[in-house]
């Protein structure tokens, strides 16, 4: 490729070290698509003839079929996917194939192919994430009437509807969907024609190639085009945010399915046993998903560290930008798929969930807020209820079984109308603030979630094709 400049051939060890086919062969179809658009534009502006275009288009379409069938085995000696496709084209159609690279560099060529590839991959991820979100909505509907403990500091805090719990994860993953859309929108401009770094002296029509490839238009600055990896970081951040959310969900399910908690049961087909202990039912899928989140974070940081100190414009370090990106896309796709299927089979023991409230202490806030409604300042109410809780703990009494006489020893303001409030279902349904855990609010959330999910899945402003 660069024999005109060098006296000696490249050392084989350097060829092996610098080849990128293990990374970029998956871009072959996208590279060909970009080349077809580039060739059409070159013909339109008079750089190649109509006869050249016919030969190039025929050759590229044949190569595309060879790639799809597996017949095209790339040559590592040609370093990357772009040189392999170009060499194959020239072998097929002769000198016309050698004209294809006019006005472009591998710098803008790979940037274009990666964007085309990412549009396809993110479309698939959007469908997978949509499936997970639908399952969370269904779980919320199914478990709306189930009452379980809500936690802070992994200590029982207040009773909540399990439907409310599932909706909390729904909203987190829907925000990830918005980040996915942002990443898709960041792919809307076409790099082709930026060249190695400074554009071209040839009369290229960058707007034409952008239209041919389904972009809104060309990128604005050739230096920025070949140097920036913001679009990749946007995709990484979607994967990372999603991983942080699935890791938290997995951690919850692992805990809630343990014998110590015991009010959730995971489907057998998504668990494993022990080679030694016959009684074990291990949440391996959840643990592996939690573990894979660490890798997603590491690969995000890898690219961020890579680009933080690179001078403009292109540096060969950037050849490695796709390694972590492709892996994060693959991991995210696989986790979303398996986690969505696992959730479909989750079972809940509502009696075990309610049993957690036997001591009634999770209702202490209800008592304090009852006093607030009777004119007691909250800090004073907090102290009085705290003393009552301390007495219940010391005397092994349940707050739910106390009579009004016992309560009045610590809270003189209490009256008989307090006792009906010491019920977990009443506690849940009285939390009617917007976004609260009452079943009424959970139903409202779910209706809004269904509307938002439908709008997200049908968003016509996001370039998916």
Protein backbone atom coordinates (compact mmCIF):
# COMPACT_ATOMS: atom_id res chain seq x y z
CA UNK A 1 0.00 0.00 0.00
CA UNK A 2 2.82 2.43 0.81
CA UNK A 3 5.68 0.89 -1.21
CA UNK A 4 6.31 4.20 -2.99
CA UNK A 5 7.55 5.77 0.24
CA UNK A 6 9.49 2.90 1.87
CA UNK A 7 12.67 1.12 0.75
CA UNK A 8 11.99 -2.12 2.67
CA UNK A 9 8.95 -4.29 3.09
CA UNK A 10 7.17 -4.23 6.44
CA UNK A 11 8.55 -6.78 8.90
CA UNK A 12 6.18 -9.73 9.32
CA UNK A 13 6.17 -9.18 13.08
CA UNK A 14 4.93 -5.64 12.51
CA UNK A 15 2.25 -6.91 10.14
CA UNK A 16 1.05 -9.36 12.77
CA UNK A 17 1.15 -6.73 15.47
CA UNK A 18 -0.68 -4.01 13.56
CA UNK A 19 -3.38 -6.03 11.80
CA UNK A 20 -6.91 -5.34 13.00
CA UNK A 21 -8.94 -8.03 11.24
CA UNK A 22 -9.78 -9.67 14.55
CA UNK A 23 -11.57 -6.40 15.35
CA UNK A 24 -12.98 -4.97 12.18
CA UNK A 25 -13.97 -7.86 9.91
CA UNK A 26 -17.48 -7.53 11.35
CA UNK A 27 -17.59 -4.14 9.58
CA UNK A 28 -17.27 -5.70 6.12
CA UNK A 29 -20.90 -5.23 5.09
CA UNK A 30 -20.91 -1.64 6.38
CA UNK A 31 -17.62 -0.89 4.65
CA UNK A 32 -19.06 -2.15 1.37
CA UNK A 33 -22.20 -0.08 1.84
CA UNK A 34 -20.07 3.02 2.38
CA UNK A 35 -17.97 2.19 -0.68
CA UNK A 36 -21.06 1.85 -2.87
CA UNK A 37 -22.20 5.33 -1.84
CA UNK A 38 -18.72 6.76 -2.32
CA UNK A 39 -18.44 5.25 -5.80
CA UNK A 40 -21.81 6.64 -6.83
CA UNK A 41 -20.74 10.10 -5.67
CA UNK A 42 -17.36 9.85 -7.48
CA UNK A 43 -19.21 9.11 -10.69
CA UNK A 44 -21.68 11.94 -10.13
CA UNK A 45 -18.88 14.52 -9.75
CA UNK A 46 -16.92 13.14 -12.71
CA UNK A 47 -13.96 11.53 -10.94
CA UNK A 48 -14.77 8.05 -12.27
CA UNK A 49 -16.71 7.08 -15.40
CA UNK A 50 -20.10 5.44 -15.63
CA UNK A 51 -18.33 2.30 -16.83
CA UNK A 52 -16.09 2.37 -13.73
CA UNK A 53 -19.17 2.70 -11.52
CA UNK A 54 -20.92 -0.26 -13.13
CA UNK A 55 -17.84 -2.44 -12.61
CA UNK A 56 -17.32 -1.24 -9.02
CA UNK A 57 -20.96 -1.77 -8.07
CA UNK A 58 -21.01 -5.23 -9.58
CA UNK A 59 -17.77 -6.19 -7.86
CA UNK A 60 -18.81 -4.82 -4.46
CA UNK A 61 -22.16 -6.61 -4.57
CA UNK A 62 -20.40 -9.88 -5.41
CA UNK A 63 -18.01 -9.33 -2.51
CA UNK A 64 -20.96 -8.64 -0.23
CA UNK A 65 -22.43 -12.03 -1.09
CA UNK A 66 -19.04 -13.65 -0.49
CA UNK A 67 -18.86 -12.02 2.95
CA UNK A 68 -22.36 -13.14 3.88
CA UNK A 69 -21.78 -16.70 2.73
CA UNK A 70 -18.39 -16.97 4.45
CA UNK A 71 -16.65 -17.56 1.13
CA UNK A 72 -14.48 -14.45 1.54
CA UNK A 73 -11.65 -15.32 3.91
CA UNK A 74 -9.68 -12.13 4.68
CA UNK A 75 -5.90 -11.99 4.31
CA UNK A 76 -4.16 -10.81 7.52
CA UNK A 77 -1.32 -9.51 5.35
CA UNK A 78 -3.69 -6.80 4.11
CA UNK A 79 -4.03 -5.51 7.66
CA UNK A 80 -7.73 -4.60 7.92
CA UNK A 81 -11.19 -5.03 6.47
CA UNK A 82 -10.89 -1.97 4.23
CA UNK A 83 -7.73 -3.11 2.44
CA UNK A 84 -9.13 -6.62 2.07
CA UNK A 85 -12.29 -5.38 0.39
CA UNK A 86 -10.36 -2.99 -1.87
CA UNK A 87 -7.84 -5.67 -2.88
CA UNK A 88 -10.63 -8.14 -3.61
CA UNK A 89 -12.45 -5.53 -5.68
CA UNK A 90 -9.36 -4.69 -7.74
CA UNK A 91 -8.72 -8.38 -8.35
CA UNK A 92 -12.27 -8.70 -9.65
CA UNK A 93 -12.66 -5.56 -11.79
CA UNK A 94 -9.12 -4.38 -12.46
CA UNK A 95 -7.99 -0.72 -12.49
CA UNK A 96 -11.53 0.55 -11.87
CA UNK A 97 -11.35 -0.94 -8.39
CA UNK A 98 -8.16 0.97 -7.65
CA UNK A 99 -9.99 4.24 -8.36
CA UNK A 100 -12.47 3.70 -5.53
CA UNK A 101 -10.21 5.12 -2.82
CA UNK A 102 -10.03 8.51 -4.52
CA UNK A 103 -10.89 11.29 -2.08
CA UNK A 104 -11.05 9.19 1.05
CA UNK A 105 -8.76 7.87 3.78
CA UNK A 106 -9.14 4.87 5.98
CA UNK A 107 -9.66 7.42 8.75
CA UNK A 108 -12.99 8.68 7.43
CA UNK A 109 -13.77 5.29 5.90
CA UNK A 110 -13.68 3.41 9.21
CA UNK A 111 -15.49 6.21 11.03
CA UNK A 112 -18.33 5.85 8.52
CA UNK A 113 -18.42 2.05 8.68
CA UNK A 114 -18.49 2.11 12.48
CA UNK A 115 -21.45 4.50 12.49
CA UNK A 116 -23.37 2.31 10.06
CA UNK A 117 -22.56 -0.74 12.19
CA UNK A 118 -23.64 0.98 15.39
CA UNK A 119 -26.97 2.01 13.92
CA UNK A 120 -27.73 -1.67 13.26
CA UNK A 121 -26.52 -2.88 16.65
CA UNK A 122 -28.34 -0.19 18.63
CA UNK A 123 -31.56 -1.01 16.81
CA UNK A 124 -31.27 -4.60 18.03
CA UNK A 125 -30.46 -3.41 21.55
CA UNK A 126 -33.48 -1.13 21.53
CA UNK A 127 -35.72 -4.11 20.82
CA UNK A 128 -34.06 -6.15 23.59
CA UNK A 129 -34.35 -3.34 26.11
CA UNK A 130 -37.96 -2.87 25.08
CA UNK A 131 -38.64 -6.53 25.86
CA UNK A 132 -37.14 -6.15 29.34
CA UNK A 133 -39.24 -3.04 29.99
CA UNK A 134 -42.43 -4.83 28.94
CA UNK A 135 -41.64 -7.66 31.37
CA UNK A 136 -41.12 -5.20 34.21
CA UNK A 137 -44.51 -3.64 33.48
CA UNK A 138 -46.11 -7.08 33.56
CA UNK A 139 -44.44 -7.91 36.88
CA UNK A 140 -45.73 -4.64 38.31
CA UNK A 141 -49.25 -5.53 37.23
CA UNK A 142 -48.96 -9.08 38.57
CA UNK A 143 -47.56 -8.04 41.96
CA UNK A 144 -49.42 -4.79 42.57
CA UNK A 145 -51.23 -6.24 45.61
CA UNK A 146 -48.15 -7.94 47.10
CA UNK A 147 -46.69 -6.09 50.10
CA UNK A 148 -42.98 -6.44 50.83
CA UNK A 149 -40.42 -4.51 52.86
CA UNK A 150 -38.65 -1.56 51.29
CA UNK A 151 -35.07 -1.07 52.44
CA UNK A 152 -32.56 1.64 53.18
CA UNK A 153 -29.08 0.61 54.33
CA UNK A 154 -30.37 -2.96 53.72
CA UNK A 155 -32.52 -2.52 56.83
CA UNK A 156 -36.31 -2.73 56.74
CA UNK A 157 -37.63 0.78 56.25
CA UNK A 158 -41.27 0.95 55.15
CA UNK A 159 -43.78 -1.39 53.50
CA UNK A 160 -44.18 -1.03 49.73
CA UNK A 161 -46.16 -2.57 46.94
CA UNK A 162 -43.99 -5.02 45.02
CA UNK A 163 -45.55 -3.51 41.91
CA UNK A 164 -43.95 -0.22 42.99
CA UNK A 165 -40.61 -1.98 43.31
CA UNK A 166 -40.73 -3.33 39.76
CA UNK A 167 -41.67 0.11 38.46
CA UNK A 168 -38.57 1.58 40.07
CA UNK A 169 -36.45 -0.61 37.82
CA UNK A 170 -38.70 0.15 34.86
CA UNK A 171 -38.00 3.87 35.11
CA UNK A 172 -34.26 3.28 35.48
CA UNK A 173 -34.10 1.15 32.34
CA UNK A 174 -36.35 3.56 30.44
CA UNK A 175 -33.80 6.30 31.16
CA UNK A 176 -31.23 3.96 29.64
CA UNK A 177 -33.48 3.85 26.59
CA UNK A 178 -33.25 7.63 26.38
CA UNK A 179 -29.46 7.33 26.53
CA UNK A 180 -29.61 4.77 23.73
CA UNK A 181 -31.62 7.25 21.66
CA UNK A 182 -29.05 9.96 22.39
CA UNK A 183 -26.31 7.63 21.17
CA UNK A 184 -28.31 6.95 18.00
CA UNK A 185 -28.80 10.66 17.39
CA UNK A 186 -25.07 11.25 17.82
CA UNK A 187 -24.59 9.02 14.76
CA UNK A 188 -26.65 11.28 12.51
CA UNK A 189 -23.74 12.96 10.64
CA UNK A 190 -21.58 11.31 7.99
CA UNK A 191 -17.76 11.35 8.27
CA UNK A 192 -17.11 10.25 4.68
CA UNK A 193 -15.17 12.87 2.74
CA UNK A 194 -13.28 14.26 5.73
CA UNK A 195 -10.25 12.40 4.40
CA UNK A 196 -7.21 11.74 6.52
CA UNK A 197 -7.72 15.00 8.40
CA UNK A 198 -8.12 17.98 6.03
CA UNK A 199 -10.71 17.06 3.44
CA UNK A 200 -9.79 16.73 -0.25
CA UNK A 201 -8.82 18.81 -3.26
CA UNK A 202 -11.20 16.66 -5.32
CA UNK A 203 -14.72 18.05 -5.90
CA UNK A 204 -16.41 15.61 -3.52
CA UNK A 205 -20.12 15.98 -2.74
CA UNK A 206 -20.29 15.04 0.92
CA UNK A 207 -23.97 15.87 1.10
CA UNK A 208 -24.69 13.28 -1.56
CA UNK A 209 -22.85 10.47 0.21
CA UNK A 210 -24.57 11.44 3.48
CA UNK A 211 -27.98 11.15 1.81
CA UNK A 212 -27.08 7.85 0.16
CA UNK A 213 -26.16 6.37 3.54
CA UNK A 214 -29.17 7.71 5.44
CA UNK A 215 -27.36 10.42 7.42
CA UNK A 216 -28.79 13.89 8.04
CA UNK A 217 -25.73 15.47 6.50
CA UNK A 218 -21.92 15.55 6.65
CA UNK A 219 -19.85 16.31 9.72
CA UNK A 220 -18.78 19.94 10.09
CA UNK A 221 -15.02 19.81 10.72
CA UNK A 222 -12.62 17.33 9.13
CA UNK A 223 -10.11 17.49 12.00
CA UNK A 224 -12.76 16.78 14.61
CA UNK A 225 -14.31 14.09 12.42
CA UNK A 226 -11.30 11.78 12.37
CA UNK A 227 -10.11 12.55 15.90
CA UNK A 228 -13.26 12.42 18.03
CA UNK A 229 -14.62 9.28 19.61
CA UNK A 230 -17.52 10.97 21.36
CA UNK A 231 -20.03 8.86 19.47
CA UNK A 232 -18.36 5.70 20.77
CA UNK A 233 -18.30 7.06 24.30
CA UNK A 234 -22.03 7.79 24.01
CA UNK A 235 -22.65 4.15 23.14
CA UNK A 236 -20.34 3.03 25.94
CA UNK A 237 -22.22 5.23 28.39
CA UNK A 238 -25.54 3.71 27.39
CA UNK A 239 -24.05 0.24 28.00
CA UNK A 240 -22.51 1.35 31.29
CA UNK A 241 -25.68 2.96 32.63
CA UNK A 242 -27.65 -0.12 31.65
CA UNK A 243 -25.06 -2.33 33.35
CA UNK A 244 -25.21 -0.33 36.58
CA UNK A 245 -28.97 -0.75 36.62
CA UNK A 246 -29.01 -4.46 35.79
CA UNK A 247 -26.31 -5.07 38.40
CA UNK A 248 -28.42 -3.42 41.12
CA UNK A 249 -31.48 -5.42 40.03
CA UNK A 250 -29.46 -8.64 40.10
CA UNK A 251 -28.14 -7.86 43.57
CA UNK A 252 -31.68 -7.29 44.84
CA UNK A 253 -32.97 -10.54 43.39
CA UNK A 254 -30.02 -12.51 44.77
CA UNK A 255 -30.76 -11.17 48.26
CA UNK A 256 -34.54 -11.52 48.10
CA UNK A 257 -34.26 -15.13 46.89
CA UNK A 258 -31.97 -16.15 49.76
CA UNK A 259 -33.40 -18.25 52.60
CA UNK A 260 -32.83 -15.36 54.99
CA UNK A 261 -35.27 -13.20 53.00
CA UNK A 262 -37.11 -15.90 51.12
CA UNK A 263 -40.05 -14.04 49.60
CA UNK A 264 -38.84 -14.37 46.02
CA UNK A 265 -38.17 -17.55 44.05
CA UNK A 266 -36.10 -17.65 40.88
CA UNK A 267 -37.00 -19.98 37.99
CA UNK A 268 -35.09 -23.27 38.15
CA UNK A 269 -34.04 -23.08 34.51
CA UNK A 270 -32.04 -19.91 35.25
CA UNK A 271 -30.25 -21.29 38.33
CA UNK A 272 -27.61 -23.94 38.89
CA UNK A 273 -26.84 -26.49 41.58
CA UNK A 274 -23.75 -27.47 43.49
CA UNK A 275 -21.43 -30.34 42.58
CA UNK A 276 -21.18 -31.15 46.30
CA UNK A 277 -24.27 -29.81 48.13
CA UNK A 278 -27.54 -31.30 46.84
CA UNK A 279 -29.76 -28.65 48.42
CA UNK A 280 -28.20 -25.68 46.63
CA UNK A 281 -30.02 -23.47 44.13
CA UNK A 282 -27.52 -20.88 43.02
CA UNK A 283 -28.43 -17.63 41.19
CA UNK A 284 -25.52 -17.96 38.77
CA UNK A 285 -27.15 -16.01 35.92
CA UNK A 286 -27.69 -13.04 38.21
CA UNK A 287 -24.20 -13.27 39.67
CA UNK A 288 -22.58 -13.46 36.23
CA UNK A 289 -24.64 -10.51 35.03
CA UNK A 290 -23.55 -8.54 38.11
CA UNK A 291 -19.95 -9.49 37.40
CA UNK A 292 -20.12 -8.52 33.73
CA UNK A 293 -21.13 -5.01 34.74
CA UNK A 294 -17.58 -4.49 36.02
CA UNK A 295 -16.17 -5.28 32.60
CA UNK A 296 -18.54 -2.82 30.96
CA UNK A 297 -17.31 -0.11 33.32
CA UNK A 298 -13.67 -1.02 32.67
CA UNK A 299 -14.04 -0.84 28.90
CA UNK A 300 -15.72 2.57 29.15
CA UNK A 301 -12.81 3.84 31.23
CA UNK A 302 -10.35 2.23 28.77
CA UNK A 303 -11.59 4.35 25.87
CA UNK A 304 -11.90 7.51 27.99
CA UNK A 305 -8.28 7.12 29.12
CA UNK A 306 -7.16 6.41 25.57
CA UNK A 307 -8.55 9.60 24.07
CA UNK A 308 -7.84 11.98 26.94
CA UNK A 309 -4.29 12.80 25.84
CA UNK A 310 -4.15 12.16 22.10
CA UNK A 311 -3.05 15.09 19.91
CA UNK A 312 -5.15 15.98 16.88
CA UNK A 313 -5.94 14.20 14.73
CA UNK A 314 -5.63 10.46 14.11
CA UNK A 315 -3.25 8.28 16.12
CA UNK A 316 -2.87 4.53 15.78
CA UNK A 317 -3.97 4.07 19.39
CA UNK A 318 -7.47 4.60 18.05
CA UNK A 319 -7.37 1.30 16.20
CA UNK A 320 -8.10 -0.23 19.62
CA UNK A 321 -11.22 1.90 20.12
CA UNK A 322 -13.50 -0.83 18.78
CA UNK A 323 -12.30 -3.72 20.92
CA UNK A 324 -14.04 -2.66 24.10
CA UNK A 325 -16.95 -1.15 22.19
CA UNK A 326 -17.88 -4.38 20.43
CA UNK A 327 -17.48 -6.36 23.64
CA UNK A 328 -19.75 -3.98 25.55
CA UNK A 329 -22.39 -4.22 22.84
CA UNK A 330 -22.21 -8.03 22.96
CA UNK A 331 -22.37 -8.18 26.76
CA UNK A 332 -25.28 -5.75 26.94
CA UNK A 333 -27.21 -7.70 24.32
CA UNK A 334 -26.67 -11.02 26.07
CA UNK A 335 -27.52 -9.76 29.58
CA UNK A 336 -30.69 -7.97 28.45
CA UNK A 337 -31.83 -11.14 26.70
CA UNK A 338 -31.20 -13.56 29.55
CA UNK A 339 -32.36 -11.19 32.30
CA UNK A 340 -35.63 -10.47 30.51
CA UNK A 341 -36.33 -14.19 30.17
CA UNK A 342 -35.43 -14.82 33.83
CA UNK A 343 -37.85 -12.15 35.03
CA UNK A 344 -40.74 -13.84 33.25
CA UNK A 345 -40.39 -16.81 35.62
CA UNK A 346 -39.92 -15.00 38.95
CA UNK A 347 -42.36 -16.17 41.63
CA UNK A 348 -43.24 -14.41 44.89
CA UNK A 349 -44.41 -15.70 48.27
CA UNK A 350 -46.70 -12.88 49.50
CA UNK A 351 -47.16 -14.46 52.94
CA UNK A 352 -43.41 -14.55 53.50
CA UNK A 353 -43.20 -10.90 52.49
CA UNK A 354 -45.87 -9.80 54.97
CA UNK A 355 -44.32 -11.94 57.69
CA UNK A 356 -41.38 -9.56 57.69
CA UNK A 357 -43.66 -6.97 59.32
CA UNK A 358 -44.56 -9.03 62.40
CA UNK A 359 -42.83 -6.63 64.78
CA UNK A 360 -44.63 -3.68 63.17
CA UNK A 361 -41.60 -1.42 63.43
CA UNK A 362 -41.73 -0.56 59.73
CA UNK A 363 -44.92 1.36 60.58
CA UNK A 364 -43.15 3.77 62.94
CA UNK A 365 -43.10 6.54 60.34
CA UNK A 366 -46.87 6.19 59.94
CA UNK A 367 -47.25 6.88 63.67
CA UNK A 368 -44.96 9.92 63.48
CA UNK A 369 -46.90 11.32 60.52
CA UNK A 370 -50.17 10.64 62.35
CA UNK A 371 -48.87 12.90 65.12
CA UNK A 372 -47.85 15.56 62.60
CA UNK A 373 -51.44 15.62 61.37
CA UNK A 374 -52.51 16.23 64.99
CA UNK A 375 -50.26 19.29 65.23
CA UNK A 376 -47.15 17.74 66.82
CA UNK A 377 -43.87 19.06 65.32
CA UNK A 378 -42.19 16.30 63.35
CA UNK A 379 -38.96 16.27 65.38
CA UNK A 380 -40.95 15.93 68.59
CA UNK A 381 -43.09 13.20 67.03
CA UNK A 382 -39.95 11.41 65.84
CA UNK A 383 -38.53 11.36 69.38
CA UNK A 384 -41.74 10.09 70.97
CA UNK A 385 -42.17 7.29 68.44
CA UNK A 386 -38.49 6.40 68.79
CA UNK A 387 -38.98 5.85 72.53
CA UNK A 388 -42.01 3.66 71.82
CA UNK A 389 -39.95 1.61 69.34
CA UNK A 390 -37.16 1.22 71.89
CA UNK A 391 -39.68 -0.11 74.46
CA UNK A 392 -41.11 -2.58 71.89
CA UNK A 393 -37.62 -3.90 71.09
CA UNK A 394 -36.65 -4.24 74.77
CA UNK A 395 -39.90 -6.01 75.65
CA UNK A 396 -40.20 -8.06 72.45
CA UNK A 397 -43.57 -6.58 71.63
CA UNK A 398 -45.00 -5.89 68.20
CA UNK A 399 -46.07 -2.34 67.52
CA UNK A 400 -49.06 -3.76 65.64
CA UNK A 401 -50.43 -5.53 68.75
CA UNK A 402 -50.24 -2.66 71.22
CA UNK A 403 -53.43 -1.22 72.70
CA UNK A 404 -54.06 2.49 72.85
CA UNK A 405 -53.34 2.52 76.61
CA UNK A 406 -49.81 1.18 76.04
CA UNK A 407 -49.16 3.57 73.19
CA UNK A 408 -50.44 6.54 75.20
CA UNK A 409 -47.76 6.00 77.84
CA UNK A 410 -45.27 7.28 75.27
CA UNK A 411 -47.58 9.27 72.98
CA UNK A 412 -50.32 11.05 74.94
CA UNK A 413 -51.71 12.53 71.71
CA UNK A 414 -52.60 9.08 70.34
CA UNK A 415 -56.26 8.11 70.06
CA UNK A 416 -58.24 5.09 68.90
CA UNK A 417 -58.13 6.27 65.29
CA UNK A 418 -54.40 5.41 65.28
CA UNK A 419 -54.93 1.66 65.60
CA UNK A 420 -56.45 1.05 62.13
CA UNK A 421 -53.39 2.72 60.65
CA UNK A 422 -51.08 0.05 62.10
CA UNK A 423 -51.70 -2.23 59.14
CA UNK A 424 -49.23 -2.77 56.29
CA UNK A 425 -51.81 -2.62 53.50
CA UNK A 426 -53.29 0.55 54.95
CA UNK A 427 -49.78 1.96 55.23
CA UNK A 428 -49.07 1.28 51.57
CA UNK A 429 -52.34 2.65 50.25
CA UNK A 430 -52.12 5.83 52.33
CA UNK A 431 -48.92 6.80 50.51
CA UNK A 432 -50.76 8.57 47.73
CA UNK A 433 -48.24 11.30 46.99
CA UNK A 434 -47.38 11.47 43.29
CA UNK A 435 -44.88 8.68 42.65
CA UNK A 436 -45.67 6.99 45.97
CA UNK A 437 -46.23 3.31 46.65
CA UNK A 438 -50.02 3.23 46.98
CA UNK A 439 -51.68 0.83 44.60
CA UNK A 440 -53.50 3.75 43.05
CA UNK A 441 -50.18 5.44 42.31
CA UNK A 442 -48.62 2.21 41.07
CA UNK A 443 -51.46 1.85 38.54
CA UNK A 444 -50.95 5.46 37.47
CA UNK A 445 -47.22 4.87 37.08
CA UNK A 446 -47.81 1.78 35.02
CA UNK A 447 -50.23 3.56 32.69
CA UNK A 448 -47.72 6.36 32.22
CA UNK A 449 -44.94 3.80 31.76
CA UNK A 450 -46.90 2.00 29.06
CA UNK A 451 -47.50 5.29 27.27
CA UNK A 452 -43.84 6.32 27.52
CA UNK A 453 -42.60 2.91 26.41
CA UNK A 454 -44.87 2.91 23.38
CA UNK A 455 -43.67 6.38 22.42
CA UNK A 456 -40.03 5.37 22.90
CA UNK A 457 -40.32 2.25 20.76
CA UNK A 458 -42.02 4.17 17.97
CA UNK A 459 -39.80 7.27 18.09
CA UNK A 460 -39.53 8.26 14.44
CA UNK A 461 -36.86 10.90 15.12
CA UNK A 462 -34.26 8.27 15.95
CA UNK A 463 -32.37 7.04 12.85
CA UNK A 464 -32.68 3.27 12.95
CA UNK A 465 -32.23 2.41 9.25
